[in-house]
């Protein structure tokens, strides 16, 4: 399998290395696909190379299956389409159902399904965002859990079997197998962060860490007012850290399902502990955790940033000032 190298045969652009020999991201594995000026690009942290993978424009929500198939949403003739492009350059595009406008889509690691968020456009305007699944080569959509619930507004693949949905917390859903369906409160991947609003989650394939992007807030005249956007990395709580205790919103604890929150704080059973993070400049433009959980990528007004190994003293580096919507694949260059 030639992987991403096959895209170079298409004659697309290869930019100079971000760094020379002193590459602070040299130990990181995999490939980050992202959007740059409407096209899909790839960044390889270990080498510092950036490469253009498409040139016909109109793309967003890129993702990369383990066999090298590129998935994305593309606007064609004013309408959003699901798109797959195989390493040999074969492209397939198809629209969703009538009145559906895609907000976000991600190709499963095995390349067989798209998980997507969308709005239904009506004469009165768009309805709240919902999530669903469809095959990667034709429209045959199904709602997660048998319904197109508006309780969830973002869907990410953790593995080819497990989705993580965002909707006021992280909610894991098994797509395949005898135990398919909602995993419930016993799952370590179901939790909420009371100190954040409008969160989106991405969990490493091995479950070692997760990335959350969300907004801190304060209450002004009984209304929530956003005070800033943040990208925060978490690790699983150790057994001795999982006792019930009183907390404040500023601690950014990720609480299990039997926790209770109230104005300014509450009672929390920590499921995950924050390890480090960054305040964003402006609104977020996407984020992703590396498949092995060692690093994270996020985008804001500065462009696309990638961190070194996660920890209290980690640093983030701008790798493309025009980049956004990163997705991290284990596929090597």
Protein backbone atom coordinates (compact mmCIF):
# COMPACT_ATOMS: atom_id res chain seq x y z
CA UNK A 1 0.00 0.00 0.00
CA UNK A 2 1.57 3.25 -1.14
CA UNK A 3 -0.55 5.45 1.11
CA UNK A 4 -0.20 9.19 0.75
CA UNK A 5 2.81 8.91 -1.51
CA UNK A 6 0.46 7.93 -4.33
CA UNK A 7 -1.13 11.40 -4.25
CA UNK A 8 2.16 12.92 -5.34
CA UNK A 9 1.64 11.27 -8.74
CA UNK A 10 -1.23 13.71 -9.26
CA UNK A 11 1.26 16.54 -9.68
CA UNK A 12 0.00 18.61 -6.73
CA UNK A 13 2.01 21.07 -4.69
CA UNK A 14 4.72 20.12 -2.20
CA UNK A 15 5.78 22.96 0.11
CA UNK A 16 9.21 23.26 1.73
CA UNK A 17 9.80 21.72 5.13
CA UNK A 18 8.40 23.65 8.08
CA UNK A 19 11.70 23.03 9.93
CA UNK A 20 15.16 21.93 9.00
CA UNK A 21 17.01 19.33 11.03
CA UNK A 22 15.79 20.72 14.37
CA UNK A 23 12.22 19.42 14.09
CA UNK A 24 10.46 19.59 17.51
CA UNK A 25 7.75 17.21 16.24
CA UNK A 26 10.10 14.55 14.86
CA UNK A 27 8.94 11.89 17.33
CA UNK A 28 5.26 12.16 16.38
CA UNK A 29 3.73 9.49 14.17
CA UNK A 30 1.06 9.60 11.47
CA UNK A 31 -0.30 12.24 9.11
CA UNK A 32 -2.56 15.25 9.66
CA UNK A 33 -4.98 16.12 6.86
CA UNK A 34 -6.47 19.60 6.95
CA UNK A 35 -8.03 22.39 4.89
CA UNK A 36 -6.00 25.16 3.30
CA UNK A 37 -7.81 27.70 1.12
CA UNK A 38 -10.58 25.24 0.22
CA UNK A 39 -8.34 22.28 -0.64
CA UNK A 40 -7.14 19.28 1.36
CA UNK A 41 -3.52 19.24 2.44
CA UNK A 42 -1.41 16.81 4.47
CA UNK A 43 1.20 17.58 7.11
CA UNK A 44 3.67 14.95 8.30
CA UNK A 45 4.95 15.95 11.77
CA UNK A 46 7.98 13.66 11.68
CA UNK A 47 9.37 15.30 8.53
CA UNK A 48 7.77 18.76 8.60
CA UNK A 49 6.46 18.36 5.04
CA UNK A 50 3.18 19.87 3.79
CA UNK A 51 1.58 18.51 0.63
CA UNK A 52 -1.50 19.49 -1.35
CA UNK A 53 -3.84 16.55 -2.00
CA UNK A 54 -6.67 18.22 -3.98
CA UNK A 55 -6.88 21.18 -6.31
CA UNK A 56 -10.55 21.55 -7.37
CA UNK A 57 -11.59 23.46 -4.22
CA UNK A 58 -14.71 23.63 -2.09
CA UNK A 59 -13.56 21.07 0.49
CA UNK A 60 -14.03 20.86 4.25
CA UNK A 61 -14.05 18.16 6.99
CA UNK A 62 -11.15 16.05 5.67
CA UNK A 63 -10.33 12.64 7.11
CA UNK A 64 -8.13 9.72 6.14
CA UNK A 65 -8.95 6.00 6.34
CA UNK A 66 -6.26 3.50 7.24
CA UNK A 67 -6.00 2.29 3.63
CA UNK A 68 -5.16 5.82 2.44
CA UNK A 69 -8.65 6.74 1.19
CA UNK A 70 -9.34 10.43 1.68
CA UNK A 71 -12.81 11.47 2.86
CA UNK A 72 -14.25 14.98 2.89
CA UNK A 73 -17.26 17.19 2.27
CA UNK A 74 -17.17 19.21 -0.95
CA UNK A 75 -19.55 21.87 -2.19
CA UNK A 76 -20.53 21.03 -5.77
CA UNK A 77 -23.03 23.21 -7.69
CA UNK A 78 -24.00 24.91 -4.44
CA UNK A 79 -24.76 21.69 -2.57
CA UNK A 80 -22.71 19.70 -0.05
CA UNK A 81 -21.51 16.25 -1.17
CA UNK A 82 -19.73 13.36 0.50
CA UNK A 83 -16.44 12.71 -1.29
CA UNK A 84 -13.92 9.86 -1.23
CA UNK A 85 -10.63 9.86 -3.15
CA UNK A 86 -8.60 6.67 -3.25
CA UNK A 87 -4.78 6.72 -3.31
CA UNK A 88 -4.86 5.99 -7.06
CA UNK A 89 -6.84 9.22 -7.58
CA UNK A 90 -10.27 7.62 -8.15
CA UNK A 91 -12.89 10.05 -6.86
CA UNK A 92 -16.50 9.40 -5.91
CA UNK A 93 -18.97 12.12 -4.84
CA UNK A 94 -22.63 11.90 -3.89
CA UNK A 95 -25.07 14.29 -2.20
CA UNK A 96 -27.07 13.60 0.98
CA UNK A 97 -30.86 13.59 0.98
CA UNK A 98 -32.96 16.57 -0.04
CA UNK A 99 -32.91 19.60 2.28
CA UNK A 100 -29.88 18.24 4.18
CA UNK A 101 -26.84 20.48 4.53
CA UNK A 102 -23.73 18.78 5.89
CA UNK A 103 -21.98 20.52 8.78
CA UNK A 104 -19.22 17.97 9.42
CA UNK A 105 -18.37 14.45 8.25
CA UNK A 106 -15.65 11.96 9.07
CA UNK A 107 -14.69 8.76 7.25
CA UNK A 108 -14.41 5.67 9.47
CA UNK A 109 -10.92 4.18 9.94
CA UNK A 110 -11.86 1.21 7.73
CA UNK A 111 -13.24 3.53 5.05
CA UNK A 112 -16.72 1.98 4.92
CA UNK A 113 -18.89 4.65 6.62
CA UNK A 114 -19.26 8.39 7.05
CA UNK A 115 -20.40 9.72 10.42
CA UNK A 116 -21.85 13.16 9.86
CA UNK A 117 -23.56 16.14 11.45
CA UNK A 118 -26.11 18.10 9.46
CA UNK A 119 -28.96 20.56 9.53
CA UNK A 120 -32.27 20.28 7.72
CA UNK A 121 -33.02 23.46 5.81
CA UNK A 122 -36.68 24.53 5.91
CA UNK A 123 -38.51 27.69 4.76
CA UNK A 124 -38.21 28.91 8.36
CA UNK A 125 -34.45 28.32 8.41
CA UNK A 126 -32.21 25.40 9.49
CA UNK A 127 -33.23 23.05 12.28
CA UNK A 128 -30.81 22.15 15.11
CA UNK A 129 -27.83 20.01 14.14
CA UNK A 130 -28.25 16.24 14.18
CA UNK A 131 -25.95 13.26 13.56
CA UNK A 132 -26.20 10.18 11.35
CA UNK A 133 -24.34 7.48 9.44
CA UNK A 134 -24.17 6.58 5.75
CA UNK A 135 -22.14 4.26 3.57
CA UNK A 136 -19.03 5.87 2.13
CA UNK A 137 -19.96 5.13 -1.50
CA UNK A 138 -23.70 5.91 -1.60
CA UNK A 139 -26.45 7.62 0.38
CA UNK A 140 -28.26 5.18 2.68
CA UNK A 141 -28.43 7.11 5.92
CA UNK A 142 -29.46 5.94 9.36
CA UNK A 143 -29.76 7.87 12.59
CA UNK A 144 -27.45 6.95 15.43
CA UNK A 145 -29.40 4.84 17.88
CA UNK A 146 -32.20 4.42 15.33
CA UNK A 147 -33.13 8.11 15.24
CA UNK A 148 -31.75 11.38 13.95
CA UNK A 149 -31.55 12.98 17.37
CA UNK A 150 -30.95 16.71 17.73
CA UNK A 151 -29.38 16.08 21.16
CA UNK A 152 -25.97 15.63 19.49
CA UNK A 153 -24.16 18.00 17.15
CA UNK A 154 -20.79 16.41 16.37
CA UNK A 155 -19.58 12.85 15.67
CA UNK A 156 -16.00 11.53 15.67
CA UNK A 157 -14.62 8.03 15.19
CA UNK A 158 -12.54 6.65 18.04
CA UNK A 159 -12.15 3.28 16.29
CA UNK A 160 -13.95 1.60 13.37
CA UNK A 161 -16.46 0.25 15.94
CA UNK A 162 -16.92 3.20 18.31
CA UNK A 163 -18.22 6.72 17.72
CA UNK A 164 -17.92 9.54 20.23
CA UNK A 165 -20.76 12.06 19.99
CA UNK A 166 -20.69 15.57 21.39
CA UNK A 167 -23.81 17.05 22.94
CA UNK A 168 -23.27 18.69 26.31
CA UNK A 169 -20.81 15.90 27.08
CA UNK A 170 -19.11 12.93 25.45
CA UNK A 171 -21.37 10.00 24.53
CA UNK A 172 -19.87 6.76 23.14
CA UNK A 173 -21.81 4.62 20.66
CA UNK A 174 -20.85 1.19 19.33
CA UNK A 175 -21.64 0.91 15.63
CA UNK A 176 -21.02 -2.79 15.02
CA UNK A 177 -21.26 -6.12 16.81
CA UNK A 178 -23.61 -7.83 19.23
CA UNK A 179 -23.27 -4.99 21.74
CA UNK A 180 -23.93 -2.19 19.25
CA UNK A 181 -25.74 0.82 20.67
CA UNK A 182 -25.19 3.31 23.47
CA UNK A 183 -22.50 2.26 25.93
CA UNK A 184 -24.07 4.17 28.82
CA UNK A 185 -22.70 5.64 32.03
CA UNK A 186 -20.49 2.63 32.78
CA UNK A 187 -18.30 3.52 29.83
CA UNK A 188 -15.17 5.54 30.68
CA UNK A 189 -15.84 7.55 27.53
CA UNK A 190 -19.14 9.00 28.77
CA UNK A 191 -18.53 12.15 30.79
CA UNK A 192 -19.08 15.89 30.85
CA UNK A 193 -17.01 18.96 31.65
CA UNK A 194 -19.29 21.35 33.58
CA UNK A 195 -16.83 24.22 33.15
CA UNK A 196 -17.18 24.27 29.34
CA UNK A 197 -19.89 24.90 26.77
CA UNK A 198 -20.19 24.01 23.06
CA UNK A 199 -17.61 21.25 23.47
CA UNK A 200 -16.36 18.87 20.79
CA UNK A 201 -14.39 15.77 21.75
CA UNK A 202 -11.79 13.57 20.08
CA UNK A 203 -10.49 10.48 21.89
CA UNK A 204 -7.29 8.63 20.97
CA UNK A 205 -7.79 5.17 19.50
CA UNK A 206 -6.03 3.56 22.45
CA UNK A 207 -8.10 5.54 24.96
CA UNK A 208 -4.96 7.07 26.49
CA UNK A 209 -6.10 10.68 26.17
CA UNK A 210 -8.75 12.93 24.75
CA UNK A 211 -8.87 16.47 23.41
CA UNK A 212 -11.76 18.79 24.13
CA UNK A 213 -12.31 22.15 22.49
CA UNK A 214 -14.86 24.31 24.24
CA UNK A 215 -15.76 27.71 25.65
CA UNK A 216 -15.47 28.94 29.22
CA UNK A 217 -18.31 31.16 30.36
CA UNK A 218 -19.77 33.30 33.10
CA UNK A 219 -23.32 34.18 34.05
CA UNK A 220 -24.30 37.80 33.40
CA UNK A 221 -27.92 38.84 34.08
CA UNK A 222 -28.89 35.14 34.22
CA UNK A 223 -27.40 34.51 30.77
CA UNK A 224 -24.25 32.64 29.78
CA UNK A 225 -21.53 34.84 28.34
CA UNK A 226 -18.51 33.23 26.63
CA UNK A 227 -15.21 34.33 28.14
CA UNK A 228 -12.83 32.39 25.86
CA UNK A 229 -12.20 29.27 23.78
CA UNK A 230 -9.74 26.55 24.81
CA UNK A 231 -8.10 23.31 23.63
CA UNK A 232 -7.41 20.99 26.58
CA UNK A 233 -5.83 17.53 26.76
CA UNK A 234 -6.96 14.99 29.38
CA UNK A 235 -5.68 11.68 30.72
CA UNK A 236 -7.70 8.98 32.54
CA UNK A 237 -8.06 9.52 36.26
CA UNK A 238 -6.14 7.09 38.44
CA UNK A 239 -8.17 5.06 41.00
CA UNK A 240 -7.10 7.27 43.89
CA UNK A 241 -8.32 10.33 41.95
CA UNK A 242 -11.86 9.06 41.42
CA UNK A 243 -13.41 9.84 44.81
CA UNK A 244 -16.45 12.12 44.96
CA UNK A 245 -15.45 15.63 45.90
CA UNK A 246 -16.66 19.20 45.64
CA UNK A 247 -15.27 21.13 42.70
CA UNK A 248 -15.35 24.53 41.04
CA UNK A 249 -15.93 25.13 37.35
CA UNK A 250 -12.42 26.53 36.95
CA UNK A 251 -10.88 23.12 37.62
CA UNK A 252 -12.08 21.81 34.25
CA UNK A 253 -12.67 18.32 35.63
CA UNK A 254 -14.22 15.73 33.33
CA UNK A 255 -16.98 14.21 35.47
CA UNK A 256 -18.58 10.77 35.24
CA UNK A 257 -22.33 10.29 34.85
CA UNK A 258 -23.15 10.09 38.57
CA UNK A 259 -21.83 13.59 39.18
CA UNK A 260 -24.00 16.61 39.84
CA UNK A 261 -23.35 20.18 38.80
CA UNK A 262 -24.75 23.40 40.14
CA UNK A 263 -24.13 27.11 39.72
CA UNK A 264 -20.39 27.69 40.11
CA UNK A 265 -19.48 24.08 40.92
CA UNK A 266 -20.90 20.81 42.18
CA UNK A 267 -20.11 17.24 43.17
CA UNK A 268 -17.81 15.42 40.77
CA UNK A 269 -16.44 11.90 40.25
CA UNK A 270 -13.48 12.66 37.98
CA UNK A 271 -13.17 10.35 35.02
CA UNK A 272 -10.38 12.32 33.36
CA UNK A 273 -7.81 14.86 34.58
CA UNK A 274 -6.63 17.88 32.54
CA UNK A 275 -2.93 17.69 31.68
CA UNK A 276 -2.45 20.91 29.76
CA UNK A 277 -4.01 23.14 27.17
CA UNK A 278 -4.05 26.41 25.27
CA UNK A 279 -6.28 29.43 25.03
CA UNK A 280 -7.40 29.94 21.45
CA UNK A 281 -7.27 33.16 19.48
CA UNK A 282 -10.79 33.72 18.22
CA UNK A 283 -13.21 30.89 17.59
CA UNK A 284 -11.91 27.34 17.06
CA UNK A 285 -11.42 25.97 13.56
CA UNK A 286 -11.24 22.29 14.50
CA UNK A 287 -8.99 19.99 16.50
CA UNK A 288 -7.75 16.40 16.72
CA UNK A 289 -5.83 14.12 19.07
CA UNK A 290 -3.10 11.88 17.64
CA UNK A 291 -4.15 8.20 17.38
CA UNK A 292 -1.63 7.24 20.07
CA UNK A 293 -2.69 10.13 22.32
CA UNK A 294 0.78 11.70 22.49
CA UNK A 295 -0.01 15.07 20.89
CA UNK A 296 -2.83 17.23 19.57
CA UNK A 297 -3.57 19.55 16.67
CA UNK A 298 -5.95 22.50 16.66
CA UNK A 299 -6.70 25.55 14.56
CA UNK A 300 -7.69 29.13 15.32
CA UNK A 301 -6.94 32.62 14.00
CA UNK A 302 -3.22 31.77 13.94
CA UNK A 303 -3.76 28.84 11.56
CA UNK A 304 -3.00 25.16 12.16
CA UNK A 305 -1.03 24.36 15.31
CA UNK A 306 0.48 21.04 16.41
CA UNK A 307 1.80 20.35 19.91
CA UNK A 308 4.80 18.43 21.06
CA UNK A 309 4.26 15.58 23.54
CA UNK A 310 1.35 16.38 25.86
CA UNK A 311 2.19 17.54 29.37
CA UNK A 312 2.17 20.60 31.63
CA UNK A 313 5.04 22.22 29.70
CA UNK A 314 4.02 21.24 26.17
CA UNK A 315 4.41 23.74 23.35
CA UNK A 316 2.30 24.34 20.25
CA UNK A 317 3.79 25.23 16.86
CA UNK A 318 2.12 26.94 13.92
CA UNK A 319 2.68 24.55 10.98
CA UNK A 320 0.44 26.35 8.46
CA UNK A 321 -0.90 29.87 9.02
CA UNK A 322 -3.69 29.16 6.51
CA UNK A 323 -4.65 25.72 7.88
CA UNK A 324 -7.87 24.60 9.61
CA UNK A 325 -10.03 21.53 10.35
CA UNK A 326 -7.26 19.02 11.19
CA UNK A 327 -7.81 15.28 11.42
CA UNK A 328 -4.98 12.95 12.55
CA UNK A 329 -4.47 9.53 10.94
CA UNK A 330 -1.96 6.82 11.93
CA UNK A 331 -1.14 6.40 8.24
CA UNK A 332 2.52 7.10 7.62
CA UNK A 333 3.82 9.11 4.70
